[in-house]
Amino acid sequence: ACVVLVVRKLVKDKKEGKTCCGCSSCGGSCGCGHGG
């Protein structure tokens, strides 16, 4: 159940653009060069 919930959250965040590649949740600190 924990694994299912984590995967579900990851998929939901990806659809909403909240991944580090989208630079909306990391503030650019992930090293992708989009601010921070």
Full PDB file with SEQRES, HELIX, SHEET, SSBOND, CRYST1, ORIGX, SCALE, CONECT and MASTER records, all heavy atoms in Angstrom:
SEQRES   1 A   36  ALA CYS VAL VAL LEU VAL VAL ARG LYS LEU VAL LYS ASP          
SEQRES   2 A   36  LYS LYS GLU GLY LYS THR CYS CYS GLY CYS SER SER CYS          
SEQRES   3 A   36  GLY GLY SER CYS GLY CYS GLY HIS GLY GLY                      
HELIX    1 AA1 CYS A    2  LYS A   15  1                                  14    
HELIX    2 AA2 CYS A   20  GLY A   22  5                                   3    
SSBOND   1 CYS A   23    CYS A   32                          1555   1555  2.48  
CRYST1    1.000    1.000    1.000  90.00  90.00  90.00 P 1           1          
ORIGX1      1.000000  0.000000  0.000000        0.00000                         
ORIGX2      0.000000  1.000000  0.000000        0.00000                         
ORIGX3      0.000000  0.000000  1.000000        0.00000                         
SCALE1      1.000000  0.000000  0.000000        0.00000                         
SCALE2      0.000000  1.000000  0.000000        0.00000                         
SCALE3      0.000000  0.000000  1.000000        0.00000                         
ATOM      1  N   ALA A   1       0.837  -1.205   0.000  1.00  0.00           N  
ATOM      2  CA  ALA A   1       0.000   0.000   0.000  1.00  0.00           C  
ATOM      3  C   ALA A   1       0.868   1.250   0.000  1.00  0.00           C  
ATOM      4  O   ALA A   1       0.571   2.225  -0.714  1.00  0.00           O  
ATOM      5  CB  ALA A   1      -0.932  -0.006   1.204  1.00  0.00           C  
ATOM      6  N   CYS A   2       1.953   1.246   0.766  1.00  0.00           N  
ATOM      7  CA  CYS A   2       2.872   2.392   0.788  1.00  0.00           C  
ATOM      8  C   CYS A   2       3.507   2.617  -0.581  1.00  0.00           C  
ATOM      9  O   CYS A   2       3.606   3.752  -1.048  1.00  0.00           O  
ATOM     10  CB  CYS A   2       3.954   2.181   1.838  1.00  0.00           C  
ATOM     11  SG  CYS A   2       3.344   2.301   3.524  1.00  0.00           S  
ATOM     12  N   VAL A   3       3.925   1.548  -1.221  1.00  0.00           N  
ATOM     13  CA  VAL A   3       4.530   1.658  -2.547  1.00  0.00           C  
ATOM     14  C   VAL A   3       3.524   2.221  -3.546  1.00  0.00           C  
ATOM     15  O   VAL A   3       3.845   3.109  -4.343  1.00  0.00           O  
ATOM     16  CB  VAL A   3       5.082   0.288  -3.007  1.00  0.00           C  
ATOM     17  CG1 VAL A   3       5.483   0.324  -4.468  1.00  0.00           C  
ATOM     18  CG2 VAL A   3       6.250  -0.120  -2.141  1.00  0.00           C  
ATOM     19  N   VAL A   4       2.303   1.732  -3.492  1.00  0.00           N  
ATOM     20  CA  VAL A   4       1.262   2.220  -4.403  1.00  0.00           C  
ATOM     21  C   VAL A   4       1.013   3.710  -4.179  1.00  0.00           C  
ATOM     22  O   VAL A   4       0.908   4.483  -5.136  1.00  0.00           O  
ATOM     23  CB  VAL A   4      -0.040   1.408  -4.229  1.00  0.00           C  
ATOM     24  CG1 VAL A   4      -1.207   2.075  -4.915  1.00  0.00           C  
ATOM     25  CG2 VAL A   4       0.153   0.003  -4.766  1.00  0.00           C  
ATOM     26  N   LEU A   5       0.958   4.146  -2.924  1.00  0.00           N  
ATOM     27  CA  LEU A   5       0.724   5.554  -2.633  1.00  0.00           C  
ATOM     28  C   LEU A   5       1.873   6.436  -3.105  1.00  0.00           C  
ATOM     29  O   LEU A   5       1.656   7.531  -3.643  1.00  0.00           O  
ATOM     30  CB  LEU A   5       0.491   5.753  -1.136  1.00  0.00           C  
ATOM     31  CG  LEU A   5      -0.821   5.196  -0.600  1.00  0.00           C  
ATOM     32  CD1 LEU A   5      -0.865   5.316   0.917  1.00  0.00           C  
ATOM     33  CD2 LEU A   5      -2.009   5.910  -1.227  1.00  0.00           C  
ATOM     34  N   VAL A   6       3.091   5.984  -2.946  1.00  0.00           N  
ATOM     35  CA  VAL A   6       4.250   6.758  -3.398  1.00  0.00           C  
ATOM     36  C   VAL A   6       4.248   6.880  -4.914  1.00  0.00           C  
ATOM     37  O   VAL A   6       4.456   7.967  -5.462  1.00  0.00           O  
ATOM     38  CB  VAL A   6       5.563   6.125  -2.890  1.00  0.00           C  
ATOM     39  CG1 VAL A   6       6.761   6.729  -3.583  1.00  0.00           C  
ATOM     40  CG2 VAL A   6       5.682   6.290  -1.392  1.00  0.00           C  
ATOM     41  N   VAL A   7       4.013   5.787  -5.603  1.00  0.00           N  
ATOM     42  CA  VAL A   7       3.988   5.819  -7.072  1.00  0.00           C  
ATOM     43  C   VAL A   7       2.855   6.712  -7.551  1.00  0.00           C  
ATOM     44  O   VAL A   7       3.031   7.502  -8.486  1.00  0.00           O  
ATOM     45  CB  VAL A   7       3.867   4.388  -7.638  1.00  0.00           C  
ATOM     46  CG1 VAL A   7       3.585   4.416  -9.131  1.00  0.00           C  
ATOM     47  CG2 VAL A   7       5.131   3.604  -7.351  1.00  0.00           C  
ATOM     48  N   ARG A   8       1.710   6.633  -6.909  1.00  0.00           N  
ATOM     49  CA  ARG A   8       0.571   7.470  -7.290  1.00  0.00           C  
ATOM     50  C   ARG A   8       0.901   8.959  -7.126  1.00  0.00           C  
ATOM     51  O   ARG A   8       0.598   9.766  -7.976  1.00  0.00           O  
ATOM     52  CB  ARG A   8      -0.637   7.088  -6.441  1.00  0.00           C  
ATOM     53  CG  ARG A   8      -1.931   7.676  -6.942  1.00  0.00           C  
ATOM     54  CD  ARG A   8      -3.085   7.096  -6.184  1.00  0.00           C  
ATOM     55  NE  ARG A   8      -3.594   8.124  -5.294  1.00  0.00           N  
ATOM     56  CZ  ARG A   8      -4.550   7.964  -4.413  1.00  0.00           C  
ATOM     57  NH1 ARG A   8      -5.078   6.779  -4.241  1.00  0.00           N  
ATOM     58  NH2 ARG A   8      -4.966   8.942  -3.682  1.00  0.00           N  
ATOM     59  N   LYS A   9       1.582   9.305  -6.031  1.00  0.00           N  
ATOM     60  CA  LYS A   9       1.983  10.694  -5.804  1.00  0.00           C  
ATOM     61  C   LYS A   9       2.994  11.152  -6.839  1.00  0.00           C  
ATOM     62  O   LYS A   9       2.914  12.269  -7.341  1.00  0.00           O  
ATOM     63  CB  LYS A   9       2.553  10.849  -4.404  1.00  0.00           C  
ATOM     64  CG  LYS A   9       3.179  12.194  -4.148  1.00  0.00           C  
ATOM     65  CD  LYS A   9       2.605  12.857  -2.953  1.00  0.00           C  
ATOM     66  CE  LYS A   9       3.280  14.156  -2.609  1.00  0.00           C  
ATOM     67  NZ  LYS A   9       3.136  15.199  -3.562  1.00  0.00           N  
ATOM     68  N   LEU A  10       3.949  10.296  -7.172  1.00  0.00           N  
ATOM     69  CA  LEU A  10       4.940  10.652  -8.182  1.00  0.00           C  
ATOM     70  C   LEU A  10       4.290  10.912  -9.535  1.00  0.00           C  
ATOM     71  O   LEU A  10       4.639  11.867 -10.239  1.00  0.00           O  
ATOM     72  CB  LEU A  10       5.997   9.559  -8.310  1.00  0.00           C  
ATOM     73  CG  LEU A  10       6.965   9.429  -7.144  1.00  0.00           C  
ATOM     74  CD1 LEU A  10       7.821   8.180  -7.316  1.00  0.00           C  
ATOM     75  CD2 LEU A  10       7.823  10.654  -7.012  1.00  0.00           C  
ATOM     76  N   VAL A  11       3.349  10.070  -9.918  1.00  0.00           N  
ATOM     77  CA  VAL A  11       2.650  10.245 -11.189  1.00  0.00           C  
ATOM     78  C   VAL A  11       1.832  11.530 -11.168  1.00  0.00           C  
ATOM     79  O   VAL A  11       1.844  12.311 -12.135  1.00  0.00           O  
ATOM     80  CB  VAL A  11       1.761   9.022 -11.496  1.00  0.00           C  
ATOM     81  CG1 VAL A  11       0.843   9.286 -12.677  1.00  0.00           C  
ATOM     82  CG2 VAL A  11       2.628   7.798 -11.758  1.00  0.00           C  
ATOM     83  N   LYS A  12       1.154  11.787 -10.063  1.00  0.00           N  
ATOM     84  CA  LYS A  12       0.343  13.004  -9.937  1.00  0.00           C  
ATOM     85  C   LYS A  12       1.223  14.247 -10.020  1.00  0.00           C  
ATOM     86  O   LYS A  12       0.891  15.210 -10.722  1.00  0.00           O  
ATOM     87  CB  LYS A  12      -0.410  12.981  -8.607  1.00  0.00           C  
ATOM     88  CG  LYS A  12      -1.281  14.187  -8.388  1.00  0.00           C  
ATOM     89  CD  LYS A  12      -1.958  14.122  -7.030  1.00  0.00           C  
ATOM     90  CE  LYS A  12      -2.711  15.404  -6.761  1.00  0.00           C  
ATOM     91  NZ  LYS A  12      -3.202  15.483  -5.399  1.00  0.00           N  
ATOM     92  N   ASP A  13       2.363  14.239  -9.320  1.00  0.00           N  
ATOM     93  CA  ASP A  13       3.272  15.378  -9.360  1.00  0.00           C  
ATOM     94  C   ASP A  13       3.837  15.588 -10.756  1.00  0.00           C  
ATOM     95  O   ASP A  13       4.006  16.721 -11.209  1.00  0.00           O  
ATOM     96  CB  ASP A  13       4.411  15.189  -8.364  1.00  0.00           C  
ATOM     97  CG  ASP A  13       3.976  15.382  -6.924  1.00  0.00           C  
ATOM     98  OD1 ASP A  13       2.831  15.834  -6.701  1.00  0.00           O  
ATOM     99  OD2 ASP A  13       4.773  15.064  -6.022  1.00  0.00           O  
ATOM    100  N   LYS A  14       4.134  14.504 -11.447  1.00  0.00           N  
ATOM    101  CA  LYS A  14       4.670  14.613 -12.810  1.00  0.00           C  
ATOM    102  C   LYS A  14       3.639  15.243 -13.737  1.00  0.00           C  
ATOM    103  O   LYS A  14       3.968  16.093 -14.553  1.00  0.00           O  
ATOM    104  CB  LYS A  14       5.067  13.239 -13.317  1.00  0.00           C  
ATOM    105  CG  LYS A  14       5.557  13.236 -14.732  1.00  0.00           C  
ATOM    106  CD  LYS A  14       6.938  12.707 -14.792  1.00  0.00           C  
ATOM    107  CE  LYS A  14       7.359  12.596 -16.231  1.00  0.00           C  
ATOM    108  NZ  LYS A  14       8.578  13.294 -16.481  1.00  0.00           N  
ATOM    109  N   LYS A  15       2.373  14.838 -13.602  1.00  0.00           N  
ATOM    110  CA  LYS A  15       1.322  15.406 -14.439  1.00  0.00           C  
ATOM    111  C   LYS A  15       1.121  16.886 -14.158  1.00  0.00           C  
ATOM    112  O   LYS A  15       0.790  17.653 -15.054  1.00  0.00           O  
ATOM    113  CB  LYS A  15       0.001  14.663 -14.221  1.00  0.00           C  
ATOM    114  CG  LYS A  15      -0.036  13.312 -14.871  1.00  0.00           C  
ATOM    115  CD  LYS A  15      -1.383  12.645 -14.654  1.00  0.00           C  
ATOM    116  CE  LYS A  15      -1.415  11.274 -15.287  1.00  0.00           C  
ATOM    117  NZ  LYS A  15      -2.711  10.617 -15.059  1.00  0.00           N  
ATOM    118  N   GLU A  16       1.337  17.304 -12.881  1.00  0.00           N  
ATOM    119  CA  GLU A  16       1.159  18.698 -12.505  1.00  0.00           C  
ATOM    120  C   GLU A  16       2.414  19.520 -12.735  1.00  0.00           C  
ATOM    121  O   GLU A  16       2.431  20.716 -12.475  1.00  0.00           O  
ATOM    122  CB  GLU A  16       0.736  18.793 -11.035  1.00  0.00           C  
ATOM    123  CG  GLU A  16      -0.646  18.248 -10.780  1.00  0.00           C  
ATOM    124  CD  GLU A  16      -1.013  18.277  -9.303  1.00  0.00           C  
ATOM    125  OE1 GLU A  16      -0.182  18.705  -8.471  1.00  0.00           O  
ATOM    126  OE2 GLU A  16      -2.139  17.867  -8.983  1.00  0.00           O  
ATOM    127  N   GLY A  17       3.482  18.898 -13.222  1.00  0.00           N  
ATOM    128  CA  GLY A  17       4.718  19.607 -13.499  1.00  0.00           C  
ATOM    129  C   GLY A  17       5.523  19.930 -12.265  1.00  0.00           C  
ATOM    130  O   GLY A  17       6.274  20.890 -12.251  1.00  0.00           O  
ATOM    131  N   LYS A  18       5.388  19.151 -11.202  1.00  0.00           N  
ATOM    132  CA  LYS A  18       6.093  19.417  -9.956  1.00  0.00           C  
ATOM    133  C   LYS A  18       7.368  18.591  -9.830  1.00  0.00           C  
ATOM    134  O   LYS A  18       7.831  18.330  -8.737  1.00  0.00           O  
ATOM    135  CB  LYS A  18       5.182  19.119  -8.757  1.00  0.00           C  
ATOM    136  CG  LYS A  18       4.022  20.050  -8.631  1.00  0.00           C  
ATOM    137  CD  LYS A  18       3.230  19.716  -7.391  1.00  0.00           C  
ATOM    138  CE  LYS A  18       2.037  20.619  -7.234  1.00  0.00           C  
ATOM    139  NZ  LYS A  18       1.265  20.283  -6.035  1.00  0.00           N  
ATOM    140  N   THR A  19       7.967  18.196 -10.914  1.00  0.00           N  
ATOM    141  CA  THR A  19       9.200  17.436 -10.844  1.00  0.00           C  
ATOM    142  C   THR A  19      10.375  18.385 -10.922  1.00  0.00           C  
ATOM    143  O   THR A  19      10.246  19.536 -11.296  1.00  0.00           O  
ATOM    144  CB  THR A  19       9.290  16.429 -12.004  1.00  0.00           C  
ATOM    145  OG1 THR A  19       9.283  17.153 -13.225  1.00  0.00           O  
ATOM    146  CG2 THR A  19       8.137  15.452 -11.980  1.00  0.00           C  
ATOM    147  N   CYS A  20      11.536  17.917 -10.567  1.00  0.00           N  
ATOM    148  CA  CYS A  20      12.730  18.758 -10.597  1.00  0.00           C  
ATOM    149  C   CYS A  20      13.040  19.195 -12.031  1.00  0.00           C  
ATOM    150  O   CYS A  20      13.548  20.281 -12.246  1.00  0.00           O  
ATOM    151  CB  CYS A  20      13.917  18.021  -9.991  1.00  0.00           C  
ATOM    152  SG  CYS A  20      15.345  19.078  -9.738  1.00  0.00           S  
ATOM    153  N   CYS A  21      12.728  18.376 -12.994  1.00  0.00           N  
ATOM    154  CA  CYS A  21      12.966  18.745 -14.386  1.00  0.00           C  
ATOM    155  C   CYS A  21      12.099  19.931 -14.798  1.00  0.00           C  
ATOM    156  O   CYS A  21      12.474  20.692 -15.666  1.00  0.00           O  
ATOM    157  CB  CYS A  21      12.689  17.557 -15.300  1.00  0.00           C  
ATOM    158  SG  CYS A  21      13.788  16.180 -15.004  1.00  0.00           S  
ATOM    159  N   GLY A  22      10.952  20.079 -14.157  1.00  0.00           N  
ATOM    160  CA  GLY A  22      10.076  21.214 -14.426  1.00  0.00           C  
ATOM    161  C   GLY A  22      10.448  22.446 -13.624  1.00  0.00           C  
ATOM    162  O   GLY A  22       9.955  23.531 -13.862  1.00  0.00           O  
ATOM    163  N   CYS A  23      11.331  22.269 -12.649  1.00  0.00           N  
ATOM    164  CA  CYS A  23      11.849  23.362 -11.821  1.00  0.00           C  
ATOM    165  C   CYS A  23      10.758  24.139 -11.102  1.00  0.00           C  
ATOM    166  O   CYS A  23      10.922  25.316 -10.827  1.00  0.00           O  
ATOM    167  CB  CYS A  23      12.702  24.309 -12.641  1.00  0.00           C  
ATOM    168  SG  CYS A  23      14.203  23.531 -13.189  1.00  0.00           S  
ATOM    169  N   SER A  24       9.642  23.522 -10.782  1.00  0.00           N  
ATOM    170  CA  SER A  24       8.628  24.244 -10.030  1.00  0.00           C  
ATOM    171  C   SER A  24       8.732  23.962  -8.542  1.00  0.00           C  
ATOM    172  O   SER A  24       8.320  24.778  -7.740  1.00  0.00           O  
ATOM    173  CB  SER A  24       7.233  23.881 -10.533  1.00  0.00           C  
ATOM    174  OG  SER A  24       7.006  22.510 -10.348  1.00  0.00           O  
ATOM    175  N   SER A  25       9.307  22.839  -8.159  1.00  0.00           N  
ATOM    176  CA  SER A  25       9.385  22.537  -6.730  1.00  0.00           C  
ATOM    177  C   SER A  25      10.792  22.700  -6.175  1.00  0.00           C  
ATOM    178  O   SER A  25      10.964  22.839  -4.986  1.00  0.00           O  
ATOM    179  CB  SER A  25       8.896  21.118  -6.464  1.00  0.00           C  
ATOM    180  OG  SER A  25       9.748  20.191  -7.086  1.00  0.00           O  
ATOM    181  N   CYS A  26      11.807  22.701  -7.031  1.00  0.00           N  
ATOM    182  CA  CYS A  26      13.174  22.762  -6.516  1.00  0.00           C  
ATOM    183  C   CYS A  26      13.725  24.173  -6.523  1.00  0.00           C  
ATOM    184  O   CYS A  26      14.779  24.417  -5.962  1.00  0.00           O  
ATOM    185  CB  CYS A  26      14.089  21.853  -7.333  1.00  0.00           C  
ATOM    186  SG  CYS A  26      14.302  22.409  -9.033  1.00  0.00           S  
ATOM    187  N   GLY A  27      13.065  25.103  -7.155  1.00  0.00           N  
ATOM    188  CA  GLY A  27      13.563  26.468  -7.206  1.00  0.00           C  
ATOM    189  C   GLY A  27      14.817  26.605  -8.045  1.00  0.00           C  
ATOM    190  O   GLY A  27      15.555  27.566  -7.928  1.00  0.00           O  
ATOM    191  N   GLY A  28      15.079  25.630  -8.887  1.00  0.00           N  
ATOM    192  CA  GLY A  28      16.257  25.679  -9.748  1.00  0.00           C  
ATOM    193  C   GLY A  28      17.504  25.143  -9.079  1.00  0.00           C  
ATOM    194  O   GLY A  28      18.562  25.158  -9.666  1.00  0.00           O  
ATOM    195  N   SER A  29      17.409  24.686  -7.843  1.00  0.00           N  
ATOM    196  CA  SER A  29      18.594  24.233  -7.126  1.00  0.00           C  
ATOM    197  C   SER A  29      19.046  22.847  -7.558  1.00  0.00           C  
ATOM    198  O   SER A  29      20.030  22.344  -7.053  1.00  0.00           O  
ATOM    199  CB  SER A  29      18.333  24.247  -5.620  1.00  0.00           C  
ATOM    200  OG  SER A  29      17.298  23.365  -5.291  1.00  0.00           O  
ATOM    201  N   CYS A  30      18.337  22.219  -8.477  1.00  0.00           N  
ATOM    202  CA  CYS A  30      18.716  20.886  -8.916  1.00  0.00           C  
ATOM    203  C   CYS A  30      19.834  20.929  -9.951  1.00  0.00           C  
ATOM    204  O   CYS A  30      20.334  19.903 -10.352  1.00  0.00           O  
ATOM    205  CB  CYS A  30      17.499  20.149  -9.477  1.00  0.00           C  
ATOM    206  SG  CYS A  30      16.806  20.919 -10.949  1.00  0.00           S  
ATOM    207  N   GLY A  31      20.230  22.129 -10.370  1.00  0.00           N  
ATOM    208  CA  GLY A  31      21.330  22.247 -11.311  1.00  0.00           C  
ATOM    209  C   GLY A  31      20.897  22.252 -12.759  1.00  0.00           C  
ATOM    210  O   GLY A  31      21.706  22.090 -13.656  1.00  0.00           O  
ATOM    211  N   CYS A  32      19.635  22.462 -13.016  1.00  0.00           N  
ATOM    212  CA  CYS A  32      19.164  22.444 -14.395  1.00  0.00           C  
ATOM    213  C   CYS A  32      19.280  23.821 -15.042  1.00  0.00           C  
ATOM    214  O   CYS A  32      19.048  23.954 -16.229  1.00  0.00           O  
ATOM    215  CB  CYS A  32      17.727  21.933 -14.465  1.00  0.00           C  
ATOM    216  SG  CYS A  32      16.578  22.913 -13.511  1.00  0.00           S  
ATOM    217  N   GLY A  33      19.601  24.859 -14.264  1.00  0.00           N  
ATOM    218  CA  GLY A  33      19.875  26.169 -14.829  1.00  0.00           C  
ATOM    219  C   GLY A  33      18.664  27.030 -15.077  1.00  0.00           C  
ATOM    220  O   GLY A  33      18.709  27.943 -15.893  1.00  0.00           O  
ATOM    221  N   HIS A  34      17.560  26.804 -14.392  1.00  0.00           N  
ATOM    222  CA  HIS A  34      16.350  27.612 -14.595  1.00  0.00           C  
ATOM    223  C   HIS A  34      16.083  28.529 -13.423  1.00  0.00           C  
ATOM    224  O   HIS A  34      14.956  28.733 -13.039  1.00  0.00           O  
ATOM    225  CB  HIS A  34      15.127  26.708 -14.806  1.00  0.00           C  
ATOM    226  CG  HIS A  34      15.179  25.963 -16.092  1.00  0.00           C  
ATOM    227  ND1 HIS A  34      15.015  26.542 -17.295  1.00  0.00           N  
ATOM    228  CD2 HIS A  34      15.409  24.651 -16.339  1.00  0.00           C  
ATOM    229  CE1 HIS A  34      15.108  25.641 -18.262  1.00  0.00           C  
ATOM    230  NE2 HIS A  34      15.358  24.468 -17.690  1.00  0.00           N  
ATOM    231  N   GLY A  35      17.113  29.060 -12.806  1.00  0.00           N  
ATOM    232  CA  GLY A  35      16.908  29.987 -11.689  1.00  0.00           C  
ATOM    233  C   GLY A  35      17.451  29.418 -10.409  1.00  0.00           C  
ATOM    234  O   GLY A  35      18.361  28.617 -10.411  1.00  0.00           O  
ATOM    235  N   GLY A  36      16.908  29.876  -9.301  1.00  0.00           N  
ATOM    236  CA  GLY A  36      17.385  29.431  -8.001  1.00  0.00           C  
ATOM    237  C   GLY A  36      18.399  30.402  -7.461  1.00  0.00           C  
ATOM    238  O   GLY A  36      18.705  31.438  -8.042  1.00  0.00           O  
TER     239      GLY A  36                                                      
CONECT  168  216                                                                
CONECT  216  168                                                                
MASTER        0    0    0    2    0    0    0    6  238    1    2    3          
END                                                                             
